[in-house]
Amino acid sequence: QLTNTWLTRVKCHEDINTTYSYDVMNDEYSHVPIQMAETFCIDTE
């Protein structure tokens, strides 16, 4: 998540930022309304 954000913000690599929805939170932490980050395509590098 850190590096995908870095690559997107610093060099605007849109192809790296293709996302897939993943918003199901673990019940153990659902008491805190924090949003789940989305996954994305893992490239060869």
ModelCIF file with pLDDT and N, C-alpha, C, O atoms, coordinates in Angstrom:
data_MODEL
#
_entry.id   MODEL 
#
_entity.id                         1 
_entity.type                       polymer 
_entity.pdbx_number_of_molecules   1 
#
_entity_poly.entity_id                      1 
_entity_poly.type                           'polypeptide(L)' 
_entity_poly.nstd_linkage                   no 
_entity_poly.nstd_monomer                   no 
_entity_poly.pdbx_seq_one_letter_code       QLTNTWLTRVKCHEDINTTYSYDVMNDEYSHVPIQMAETFCIDTE 
_entity_poly.pdbx_seq_one_letter_code_can   QLTNTWLTRVKCHEDINTTYSYDVMNDEYSHVPIQMAETFCIDTE 
_entity_poly.pdbx_strand_id                 A 
#
loop_
_entity_poly_seq.entity_id 
_entity_poly_seq.num 
_entity_poly_seq.mon_id 
_entity_poly_seq.hetero 
1 1  GLN n 
1 2  LEU n 
1 3  THR n 
1 4  ASN n 
1 5  THR n 
1 6  TRP n 
1 7  LEU n 
1 8  THR n 
1 9  ARG n 
1 10 VAL n 
1 11 LYS n 
1 12 CYS n 
1 13 HIS n 
1 14 GLU n 
1 15 ASP n 
1 16 ILE n 
1 17 ASN n 
1 18 THR n 
1 19 THR n 
1 20 TYR n 
1 21 SER n 
1 22 TYR n 
1 23 ASP n 
1 24 VAL n 
1 25 MET n 
1 26 ASN n 
1 27 ASP n 
1 28 GLU n 
1 29 TYR n 
1 30 SER n 
1 31 HIS n 
1 32 VAL n 
1 33 PRO n 
1 34 ILE n 
1 35 GLN n 
1 36 MET n 
1 37 ALA n 
1 38 GLU n 
1 39 THR n 
1 40 PHE n 
1 41 CYS n 
1 42 ILE n 
1 43 ASP n 
1 44 THR n 
1 45 GLU n 
#
_struct_asym.id          A 
_struct_asym.entity_id   1 
#
loop_
_ma_qa_metric.id 
_ma_qa_metric.mode 
_ma_qa_metric.name 
_ma_qa_metric.software_group_id 
_ma_qa_metric.type 
1 global pLDDT . pLDDT 
2 local  pLDDT . pLDDT 
#
_ma_qa_metric_global.metric_id      1 
_ma_qa_metric_global.metric_value   69.20 
_ma_qa_metric_global.model_id       1 
_ma_qa_metric_global.ordinal_id     1 
#
loop_
_ma_qa_metric_local.label_asym_id 
_ma_qa_metric_local.label_comp_id 
_ma_qa_metric_local.label_seq_id 
_ma_qa_metric_local.metric_id 
_ma_qa_metric_local.metric_value 
_ma_qa_metric_local.model_id 
_ma_qa_metric_local.ordinal_id 
A GLN 1  2 98.00 1 1  
A LEU 2  2 98.00 1 2  
A THR 3  2 98.00 1 3  
A ASN 4  2 97.00 1 4  
A THR 5  2 97.00 1 5  
A TRP 6  2 97.00 1 6  
A LEU 7  2 96.00 1 7  
A THR 8  2 94.00 1 8  
A ARG 9  2 91.00 1 9  
A VAL 10 2 88.00 1 10 
A LYS 11 2 75.00 1 11 
A CYS 12 2 70.00 1 12 
A HIS 13 2 46.00 1 13 
A GLU 14 2 37.00 1 14 
A ASP 15 2 38.00 1 15 
A ILE 16 2 36.00 1 16 
A ASN 17 2 37.00 1 17 
A THR 18 2 37.00 1 18 
A THR 19 2 38.00 1 19 
A TYR 20 2 32.00 1 20 
A SER 21 2 34.00 1 21 
A TYR 22 2 33.00 1 22 
A ASP 23 2 37.00 1 23 
A VAL 24 2 34.00 1 24 
A MET 25 2 39.00 1 25 
A ASN 26 2 42.00 1 26 
A ASP 27 2 41.00 1 27 
A GLU 28 2 46.00 1 28 
A TYR 29 2 45.00 1 29 
A SER 30 2 44.00 1 30 
A HIS 31 2 61.00 1 31 
A VAL 32 2 65.00 1 32 
A PRO 33 2 74.00 1 33 
A ILE 34 2 84.00 1 34 
A GLN 35 2 92.00 1 35 
A MET 36 2 93.00 1 36 
A ALA 37 2 95.00 1 37 
A GLU 38 2 94.00 1 38 
A THR 39 2 94.00 1 39 
A PHE 40 2 94.00 1 40 
A CYS 41 2 93.00 1 41 
A ILE 42 2 95.00 1 42 
A ASP 43 2 94.00 1 43 
A THR 44 2 95.00 1 44 
A GLU 45 2 96.00 1 45 
#
loop_
_atom_site.group_PDB 
_atom_site.id 
_atom_site.type_symbol 
_atom_site.label_atom_id 
_atom_site.label_alt_id 
_atom_site.label_comp_id 
_atom_site.label_asym_id 
_atom_site.label_entity_id 
_atom_site.label_seq_id 
_atom_site.pdbx_PDB_ins_code 
_atom_site.Cartn_x 
_atom_site.Cartn_y 
_atom_site.Cartn_z 
_atom_site.occupancy 
_atom_site.B_iso_or_equiv 
_atom_site.pdbx_formal_charge 
_atom_site.auth_seq_id 
_atom_site.auth_comp_id 
_atom_site.auth_asym_id 
_atom_site.auth_atom_id 
_atom_site.pdbx_PDB_model_num 
ATOM 1   N N  . GLN A 1 1  ? 0.823   -1.205 0.000   1.00 98.00 ? 1  GLN A N  1 
ATOM 2   C CA . GLN A 1 1  ? 0.000   0.000  0.000   1.00 98.00 ? 1  GLN A CA 1 
ATOM 3   C C  . GLN A 1 1  ? 0.864   1.264  0.000   1.00 98.00 ? 1  GLN A C  1 
ATOM 4   O O  . GLN A 1 1  ? 0.555   2.232  -0.695  1.00 98.00 ? 1  GLN A O  1 
ATOM 5   N N  . LEU A 1 2  ? 1.925   1.249  0.767   1.00 98.00 ? 2  LEU A N  1 
ATOM 6   C CA . LEU A 1 2  ? 2.815   2.414  0.832   1.00 98.00 ? 2  LEU A CA 1 
ATOM 7   C C  . LEU A 1 2  ? 3.468   2.687  -0.523  1.00 98.00 ? 2  LEU A C  1 
ATOM 8   O O  . LEU A 1 2  ? 3.513   3.830  -0.977  1.00 98.00 ? 2  LEU A O  1 
ATOM 9   N N  . THR A 1 3  ? 3.967   1.642  -1.157  1.00 98.00 ? 3  THR A N  1 
ATOM 10  C CA . THR A 1 3  ? 4.692   1.844  -2.415  1.00 98.00 ? 3  THR A CA 1 
ATOM 11  C C  . THR A 1 3  ? 3.751   2.130  -3.577  1.00 98.00 ? 3  THR A C  1 
ATOM 12  O O  . THR A 1 3  ? 4.098   2.894  -4.478  1.00 98.00 ? 3  THR A O  1 
ATOM 13  N N  . ASN A 1 4  ? 2.576   1.533  -3.568  1.00 97.00 ? 4  ASN A N  1 
ATOM 14  C CA . ASN A 1 4  ? 1.611   1.854  -4.617  1.00 97.00 ? 4  ASN A CA 1 
ATOM 15  C C  . ASN A 1 4  ? 1.229   3.329  -4.536  1.00 97.00 ? 4  ASN A C  1 
ATOM 16  O O  . ASN A 1 4  ? 1.110   4.004  -5.559  1.00 97.00 ? 4  ASN A O  1 
ATOM 17  N N  . THR A 1 5  ? 1.038   3.822  -3.317  1.00 97.00 ? 5  THR A N  1 
ATOM 18  C CA . THR A 1 5  ? 0.741   5.244  -3.125  1.00 97.00 ? 5  THR A CA 1 
ATOM 19  C C  . THR A 1 5  ? 1.914   6.100  -3.588  1.00 97.00 ? 5  THR A C  1 
ATOM 20  O O  . THR A 1 5  ? 1.719   7.127  -4.237  1.00 97.00 ? 5  THR A O  1 
ATOM 21  N N  . TRP A 1 6  ? 3.124   5.681  -3.256  1.00 97.00 ? 6  TRP A N  1 
ATOM 22  C CA . TRP A 1 6  ? 4.328   6.421  -3.663  1.00 97.00 ? 6  TRP A CA 1 
ATOM 23  C C  . TRP A 1 6  ? 4.418   6.498  -5.184  1.00 97.00 ? 6  TRP A C  1 
ATOM 24  O O  . TRP A 1 6  ? 4.615   7.574  -5.750  1.00 97.00 ? 6  TRP A O  1 
ATOM 25  N N  . LEU A 1 7  ? 4.272   5.350  -5.839  1.00 96.00 ? 7  LEU A N  1 
ATOM 26  C CA . LEU A 1 7  ? 4.388   5.299  -7.294  1.00 96.00 ? 7  LEU A CA 1 
ATOM 27  C C  . LEU A 1 7  ? 3.306   6.143  -7.965  1.00 96.00 ? 7  LEU A C  1 
ATOM 28  O O  . LEU A 1 7  ? 3.548   6.789  -8.985  1.00 96.00 ? 7  LEU A O  1 
ATOM 29  N N  . THR A 1 8  ? 2.114   6.127  -7.380  1.00 94.00 ? 8  THR A N  1 
ATOM 30  C CA . THR A 1 8  ? 1.008   6.900  -7.953  1.00 94.00 ? 8  THR A CA 1 
ATOM 31  C C  . THR A 1 8  ? 1.216   8.401  -7.771  1.00 94.00 ? 8  THR A C  1 
ATOM 32  O O  . THR A 1 8  ? 1.016   9.181  -8.702  1.00 94.00 ? 8  THR A O  1 
ATOM 33  N N  . ARG A 1 9  ? 1.619   8.797  -6.564  1.00 91.00 ? 9  ARG A N  1 
ATOM 34  C CA . ARG A 1 9  ? 1.742   10.221 -6.264  1.00 91.00 ? 9  ARG A CA 1 
ATOM 35  C C  . ARG A 1 9  ? 2.977   10.850 -6.896  1.00 91.00 ? 9  ARG A C  1 
ATOM 36  O O  . ARG A 1 9  ? 2.921   11.978 -7.385  1.00 91.00 ? 9  ARG A O  1 
ATOM 37  N N  . VAL A 1 10 ? 4.089   10.125 -6.889  1.00 88.00 ? 10 VAL A N  1 
ATOM 38  C CA . VAL A 1 10 ? 5.341   10.714 -7.355  1.00 88.00 ? 10 VAL A CA 1 
ATOM 39  C C  . VAL A 1 10 ? 5.439   10.719 -8.879  1.00 88.00 ? 10 VAL A C  1 
ATOM 40  O O  . VAL A 1 10 ? 5.869   11.704 -9.479  1.00 88.00 ? 10 VAL A O  1 
ATOM 41  N N  . LYS A 1 11 ? 5.043   9.631  -9.487  1.00 75.00 ? 11 LYS A N  1 
ATOM 42  C CA . LYS A 1 11 ? 5.209   9.535  -10.946 1.00 75.00 ? 11 LYS A CA 1 
ATOM 43  C C  . LYS A 1 11 ? 3.904   9.329  -11.699 1.00 75.00 ? 11 LYS A C  1 
ATOM 44  O O  . LYS A 1 11 ? 3.908   9.190  -12.922 1.00 75.00 ? 11 LYS A O  1 
ATOM 45  N N  . CYS A 1 12 ? 2.771   9.308  -10.969 1.00 70.00 ? 12 CYS A N  1 
ATOM 46  C CA . CYS A 1 12 ? 1.455   9.179  -11.610 1.00 70.00 ? 12 CYS A CA 1 
ATOM 47  C C  . CYS A 1 12 ? 1.375   7.970  -12.527 1.00 70.00 ? 12 CYS A C  1 
ATOM 48  O O  . CYS A 1 12 ? 0.924   8.073  -13.667 1.00 70.00 ? 12 CYS A O  1 
ATOM 49  N N  . HIS A 1 13 ? 1.816   6.826  -12.022 1.00 46.00 ? 13 HIS A N  1 
ATOM 50  C CA . HIS A 1 13 ? 1.753   5.597  -12.804 1.00 46.00 ? 13 HIS A CA 1 
ATOM 51  C C  . HIS A 1 13 ? 0.335   5.027  -12.713 1.00 46.00 ? 13 HIS A C  1 
ATOM 52  O O  . HIS A 1 13 ? 0.052   4.187  -11.859 1.00 46.00 ? 13 HIS A O  1 
ATOM 53  N N  . GLU A 1 14 ? -0.527  5.477  -13.573 1.00 37.00 ? 14 GLU A N  1 
ATOM 54  C CA . GLU A 1 14 ? -1.921  5.064  -13.505 1.00 37.00 ? 14 GLU A CA 1 
ATOM 55  C C  . GLU A 1 14 ? -2.094  3.566  -13.754 1.00 37.00 ? 14 GLU A C  1 
ATOM 56  O O  . GLU A 1 14 ? -3.008  2.946  -13.210 1.00 37.00 ? 14 GLU A O  1 
ATOM 57  N N  . ASP A 1 15 ? -1.221  2.991  -14.571 1.00 38.00 ? 15 ASP A N  1 
ATOM 58  C CA . ASP A 1 15 ? -1.358  1.569  -14.876 1.00 38.00 ? 15 ASP A CA 1 
ATOM 59  C C  . ASP A 1 15 ? -1.095  0.712  -13.645 1.00 38.00 ? 15 ASP A C  1 
ATOM 60  O O  . ASP A 1 15 ? -1.603  -0.404 -13.546 1.00 38.00 ? 15 ASP A O  1 
ATOM 61  N N  . ILE A 1 16 ? -0.310  1.224  -12.712 1.00 36.00 ? 16 ILE A N  1 
ATOM 62  C CA . ILE A 1 16 ? -0.017  0.485  -11.491 1.00 36.00 ? 16 ILE A CA 1 
ATOM 63  C C  . ILE A 1 16 ? -1.178  0.594  -10.515 1.00 36.00 ? 16 ILE A C  1 
ATOM 64  O O  . ILE A 1 16 ? -1.298  -0.225 -9.603  1.00 36.00 ? 16 ILE A O  1 
ATOM 65  N N  . ASN A 1 17 ? -2.022  1.576  -10.691 1.00 37.00 ? 17 ASN A N  1 
ATOM 66  C CA . ASN A 1 17 ? -3.056  1.870  -9.714  1.00 37.00 ? 17 ASN A CA 1 
ATOM 67  C C  . ASN A 1 17 ? -4.418  1.279  -10.076 1.00 37.00 ? 17 ASN A C  1 
ATOM 68  O O  . ASN A 1 17 ? -5.432  1.687  -9.509  1.00 37.00 ? 17 ASN A O  1 
ATOM 69  N N  . THR A 1 18 ? -4.458  0.337  -10.997 1.00 37.00 ? 18 THR A N  1 
ATOM 70  C CA . THR A 1 18 ? -5.721  -0.313 -11.298 1.00 37.00 ? 18 THR A CA 1 
ATOM 71  C C  . THR A 1 18 ? -6.212  -1.021 -10.046 1.00 37.00 ? 18 THR A C  1 
ATOM 72  O O  . THR A 1 18 ? -5.481  -1.831 -9.476  1.00 37.00 ? 18 THR A O  1 
ATOM 73  N N  . THR A 1 19 ? -7.425  -0.738 -9.609  1.00 38.00 ? 19 THR A N  1 
ATOM 74  C CA . THR A 1 19 ? -7.873  -1.226 -8.306  1.00 38.00 ? 19 THR A CA 1 
ATOM 75  C C  . THR A 1 19 ? -9.016  -2.223 -8.419  1.00 38.00 ? 19 THR A C  1 
ATOM 76  O O  . THR A 1 19 ? -9.745  -2.275 -9.410  1.00 38.00 ? 19 THR A O  1 
ATOM 77  N N  . TYR A 1 20 ? -9.134  -3.002 -7.370  1.00 32.00 ? 20 TYR A N  1 
ATOM 78  C CA . TYR A 1 20 ? -10.232 -3.939 -7.221  1.00 32.00 ? 20 TYR A CA 1 
ATOM 79  C C  . TYR A 1 20 ? -10.864 -3.689 -5.863  1.00 32.00 ? 20 TYR A C  1 
ATOM 80  O O  . TYR A 1 20 ? -10.157 -3.500 -4.874  1.00 32.00 ? 20 TYR A O  1 
ATOM 81  N N  . SER A 1 21 ? -12.159 -3.687 -5.810  1.00 34.00 ? 21 SER A N  1 
ATOM 82  C CA . SER A 1 21 ? -12.845 -3.361 -4.560  1.00 34.00 ? 21 SER A CA 1 
ATOM 83  C C  . SER A 1 21 ? -12.622 -4.456 -3.534  1.00 34.00 ? 21 SER A C  1 
ATOM 84  O O  . SER A 1 21 ? -12.720 -5.644 -3.842  1.00 34.00 ? 21 SER A O  1 
ATOM 85  N N  . TYR A 1 22 ? -12.324 -4.047 -2.319  1.00 33.00 ? 22 TYR A N  1 
ATOM 86  C CA . TYR A 1 22 ? -12.188 -4.989 -1.203  1.00 33.00 ? 22 TYR A CA 1 
ATOM 87  C C  . TYR A 1 22 ? -12.536 -4.209 0.051   1.00 33.00 ? 22 TYR A C  1 
ATOM 88  O O  . TYR A 1 22 ? -11.664 -3.602 0.674   1.00 33.00 ? 22 TYR A O  1 
ATOM 89  N N  . ASP A 1 23 ? -13.808 -4.225 0.423   1.00 37.00 ? 23 ASP A N  1 
ATOM 90  C CA . ASP A 1 23 ? -14.243 -3.372 1.523   1.00 37.00 ? 23 ASP A CA 1 
ATOM 91  C C  . ASP A 1 23 ? -14.854 -4.144 2.682   1.00 37.00 ? 23 ASP A C  1 
ATOM 92  O O  . ASP A 1 23 ? -15.529 -3.563 3.532   1.00 37.00 ? 23 ASP A O  1 
ATOM 93  N N  . VAL A 1 24 ? -14.619 -5.465 2.719   1.00 34.00 ? 24 VAL A N  1 
ATOM 94  C CA . VAL A 1 24 ? -15.135 -6.255 3.837   1.00 34.00 ? 24 VAL A CA 1 
ATOM 95  C C  . VAL A 1 24 ? -14.149 -6.163 4.989   1.00 34.00 ? 24 VAL A C  1 
ATOM 96  O O  . VAL A 1 24 ? -13.002 -6.591 4.860   1.00 34.00 ? 24 VAL A O  1 
ATOM 97  N N  . MET A 1 25 ? -14.588 -5.606 6.117   1.00 39.00 ? 25 MET A N  1 
ATOM 98  C CA . MET A 1 25 ? -13.692 -5.411 7.254   1.00 39.00 ? 25 MET A CA 1 
ATOM 99  C C  . MET A 1 25 ? -13.759 -6.599 8.194   1.00 39.00 ? 25 MET A C  1 
ATOM 100 O O  . MET A 1 25 ? -14.804 -7.238 8.323   1.00 39.00 ? 25 MET A O  1 
ATOM 101 N N  . ASN A 1 26 ? -12.671 -6.891 8.836   1.00 42.00 ? 26 ASN A N  1 
ATOM 102 C CA . ASN A 1 26 ? -12.618 -7.923 9.862   1.00 42.00 ? 26 ASN A CA 1 
ATOM 103 C C  . ASN A 1 26 ? -13.503 -7.508 11.025  1.00 42.00 ? 26 ASN A C  1 
ATOM 104 O O  . ASN A 1 26 ? -13.380 -6.396 11.539  1.00 42.00 ? 26 ASN A O  1 
ATOM 105 N N  . ASP A 1 27 ? -14.404 -8.410 11.446  1.00 41.00 ? 27 ASP A N  1 
ATOM 106 C CA . ASP A 1 27 ? -15.329 -8.069 12.531  1.00 41.00 ? 27 ASP A CA 1 
ATOM 107 C C  . ASP A 1 27 ? -14.610 -7.622 13.786  1.00 41.00 ? 27 ASP A C  1 
ATOM 108 O O  . ASP A 1 27 ? -15.142 -6.833 14.567  1.00 41.00 ? 27 ASP A O  1 
ATOM 109 N N  . GLU A 1 28 ? -13.389 -8.130 13.984  1.00 46.00 ? 28 GLU A N  1 
ATOM 110 C CA . GLU A 1 28 ? -12.632 -7.803 15.192  1.00 46.00 ? 28 GLU A CA 1 
ATOM 111 C C  . GLU A 1 28 ? -12.323 -6.318 15.273  1.00 46.00 ? 28 GLU A C  1 
ATOM 112 O O  . GLU A 1 28 ? -12.121 -5.788 16.366  1.00 46.00 ? 28 GLU A O  1 
ATOM 113 N N  . TYR A 1 29 ? -12.285 -5.633 14.125  1.00 45.00 ? 29 TYR A N  1 
ATOM 114 C CA . TYR A 1 29 ? -11.910 -4.222 14.114  1.00 45.00 ? 29 TYR A CA 1 
ATOM 115 C C  . TYR A 1 29 ? -13.048 -3.326 13.624  1.00 45.00 ? 29 TYR A C  1 
ATOM 116 O O  . TYR A 1 29 ? -12.842 -2.136 13.383  1.00 45.00 ? 29 TYR A O  1 
ATOM 117 N N  . SER A 1 30 ? -14.262 -3.901 13.473  1.00 44.00 ? 30 SER A N  1 
ATOM 118 C CA . SER A 1 30 ? -15.369 -3.133 12.914  1.00 44.00 ? 30 SER A CA 1 
ATOM 119 C C  . SER A 1 30 ? -15.873 -2.052 13.855  1.00 44.00 ? 30 SER A C  1 
ATOM 120 O O  . SER A 1 30 ? -16.640 -1.184 13.439  1.00 44.00 ? 30 SER A O  1 
ATOM 121 N N  . HIS A 1 31 ? -15.452 -2.086 15.128  1.00 61.00 ? 31 HIS A N  1 
ATOM 122 C CA . HIS A 1 31 ? -15.890 -1.051 16.067  1.00 61.00 ? 31 HIS A CA 1 
ATOM 123 C C  . HIS A 1 31 ? -15.230 0.296  15.764  1.00 61.00 ? 31 HIS A C  1 
ATOM 124 O O  . HIS A 1 31 ? -15.689 1.331  16.247  1.00 61.00 ? 31 HIS A O  1 
ATOM 125 N N  . VAL A 1 32 ? -14.168 0.289  14.978  1.00 65.00 ? 32 VAL A N  1 
ATOM 126 C CA . VAL A 1 32 ? -13.521 1.546  14.582  1.00 65.00 ? 32 VAL A CA 1 
ATOM 127 C C  . VAL A 1 32 ? -13.851 1.792  13.107  1.00 65.00 ? 32 VAL A C  1 
ATOM 128 O O  . VAL A 1 32 ? -13.512 0.965  12.260  1.00 65.00 ? 32 VAL A O  1 
ATOM 129 N N  . PRO A 1 33 ? -14.497 2.898  12.790  1.00 74.00 ? 33 PRO A N  1 
ATOM 130 C CA . PRO A 1 33 ? -14.956 3.141  11.407  1.00 74.00 ? 33 PRO A CA 1 
ATOM 131 C C  . PRO A 1 33 ? -13.835 3.561  10.464  1.00 74.00 ? 33 PRO A C  1 
ATOM 132 O O  . PRO A 1 33 ? -13.865 4.655  9.900   1.00 74.00 ? 33 PRO A O  1 
ATOM 133 N N  . ILE A 1 34 ? -12.861 2.698  10.299  1.00 84.00 ? 34 ILE A N  1 
ATOM 134 C CA . ILE A 1 34 ? -11.734 3.002  9.414   1.00 84.00 ? 34 ILE A CA 1 
ATOM 135 C C  . ILE A 1 34 ? -11.916 2.251  8.098   1.00 84.00 ? 34 ILE A C  1 
ATOM 136 O O  . ILE A 1 34 ? -12.257 1.068  8.102   1.00 84.00 ? 34 ILE A O  1 
ATOM 137 N N  . GLN A 1 35 ? -11.697 2.909  7.006   1.00 92.00 ? 35 GLN A N  1 
ATOM 138 C CA . GLN A 1 35 ? -11.929 2.338  5.686   1.00 92.00 ? 35 GLN A CA 1 
ATOM 139 C C  . GLN A 1 35 ? -10.793 1.407  5.273   1.00 92.00 ? 35 GLN A C  1 
ATOM 140 O O  . GLN A 1 35 ? -9.623  1.664  5.555   1.00 92.00 ? 35 GLN A O  1 
ATOM 141 N N  . MET A 1 36 ? -11.163 0.326  4.603   1.00 93.00 ? 36 MET A N  1 
ATOM 142 C CA . MET A 1 36 ? -10.174 -0.624 4.105   1.00 93.00 ? 36 MET A CA 1 
ATOM 143 C C  . MET A 1 36 ? -9.583  -0.125 2.791   1.00 93.00 ? 36 MET A C  1 
ATOM 144 O O  . MET A 1 36 ? -10.314 0.337  1.915   1.00 93.00 ? 36 MET A O  1 
ATOM 145 N N  . ALA A 1 37 ? -8.271  -0.215 2.653   1.00 95.00 ? 37 ALA A N  1 
ATOM 146 C CA . ALA A 1 37 ? -7.613  0.155  1.395   1.00 95.00 ? 37 ALA A CA 1 
ATOM 147 C C  . ALA A 1 37 ? -7.967  -0.851 0.309   1.00 95.00 ? 37 ALA A C  1 
ATOM 148 O O  . ALA A 1 37 ? -8.239  -2.018 0.592   1.00 95.00 ? 37 ALA A O  1 
ATOM 149 N N  . GLU A 1 38 ? -7.959  -0.394 -0.919  1.00 94.00 ? 38 GLU A N  1 
ATOM 150 C CA . GLU A 1 38 ? -8.259  -1.273 -2.038  1.00 94.00 ? 38 GLU A CA 1 
ATOM 151 C C  . GLU A 1 38 ? -7.004  -2.013 -2.490  1.00 94.00 ? 38 GLU A C  1 
ATOM 152 O O  . GLU A 1 38 ? -5.886  -1.520 -2.339  1.00 94.00 ? 38 GLU A O  1 
ATOM 153 N N  . THR A 1 39 ? -7.207  -3.187 -3.037  1.00 94.00 ? 39 THR A N  1 
ATOM 154 C CA . THR A 1 39 ? -6.092  -3.926 -3.627  1.00 94.00 ? 39 THR A CA 1 
ATOM 155 C C  . THR A 1 39 ? -5.873  -3.425 -5.058  1.00 94.00 ? 39 THR A C  1 
ATOM 156 O O  . THR A 1 39 ? -6.640  -2.607 -5.566  1.00 94.00 ? 39 THR A O  1 
ATOM 157 N N  . PHE A 1 40 ? -4.831  -3.921 -5.686  1.00 94.00 ? 40 PHE A N  1 
ATOM 158 C CA . PHE A 1 40 ? -4.490  -3.476 -7.041  1.00 94.00 ? 40 PHE A CA 1 
ATOM 159 C C  . PHE A 1 40 ? -3.700  -4.578 -7.734  1.00 94.00 ? 40 PHE A C  1 
ATOM 160 O O  . PHE A 1 40 ? -3.331  -5.572 -7.110  1.00 94.00 ? 40 PHE A O  1 
ATOM 161 N N  . CYS A 1 41 ? -3.450  -4.401 -8.996  1.00 93.00 ? 41 CYS A N  1 
ATOM 162 C CA . CYS A 1 41 ? -2.698  -5.407 -9.754  1.00 93.00 ? 41 CYS A CA 1 
ATOM 163 C C  . CYS A 1 41 ? -1.235  -5.428 -9.318  1.00 93.00 ? 41 CYS A C  1 
ATOM 164 O O  . CYS A 1 41 ? -0.594  -4.382 -9.221  1.00 93.00 ? 41 CYS A O  1 
ATOM 165 N N  . ILE A 1 42 ? -0.722  -6.606 -9.062  1.00 95.00 ? 42 ILE A N  1 
ATOM 166 C CA . ILE A 1 42 ? 0.683   -6.770 -8.698  1.00 95.00 ? 42 ILE A CA 1 
ATOM 167 C C  . ILE A 1 42 ? 1.489   -7.008 -9.968  1.00 95.00 ? 42 ILE A C  1 
ATOM 168 O O  . ILE A 1 42 ? 1.322   -8.028 -10.637 1.00 95.00 ? 42 ILE A O  1 
ATOM 169 N N  . ASP A 1 43 ? 2.355   -6.070 -10.292 1.00 94.00 ? 43 ASP A N  1 
ATOM 170 C CA . ASP A 1 43 ? 3.153   -6.223 -11.516 1.00 94.00 ? 43 ASP A CA 1 
ATOM 171 C C  . ASP A 1 43 ? 4.384   -7.080 -11.267 1.00 94.00 ? 43 ASP A C  1 
ATOM 172 O O  . ASP A 1 43 ? 4.678   -7.461 -10.134 1.00 94.00 ? 43 ASP A O  1 
ATOM 173 N N  . THR A 1 44 ? 5.086   -7.370 -12.331 1.00 95.00 ? 44 THR A N  1 
ATOM 174 C CA . THR A 1 44 ? 6.249   -8.262 -12.253 1.00 95.00 ? 44 THR A CA 1 
ATOM 175 C C  . THR A 1 44 ? 7.347   -7.699 -11.370 1.00 95.00 ? 44 THR A C  1 
ATOM 176 O O  . THR A 1 44 ? 7.965   -8.428 -10.595 1.00 95.00 ? 44 THR A O  1 
ATOM 177 N N  . GLU A 1 45 ? 7.590   -6.388 -11.487 1.00 96.00 ? 45 GLU A N  1 
ATOM 178 C CA . GLU A 1 45 ? 8.643   -5.763 -10.666 1.00 96.00 ? 45 GLU A CA 1 
ATOM 179 C C  . GLU A 1 45 ? 8.343   -5.898 -9.178  1.00 96.00 ? 45 GLU A C  1 
ATOM 180 O O  . GLU A 1 45 ? 9.121   -5.430 -8.347  1.00 96.00 ? 45 GLU A O  1 
#
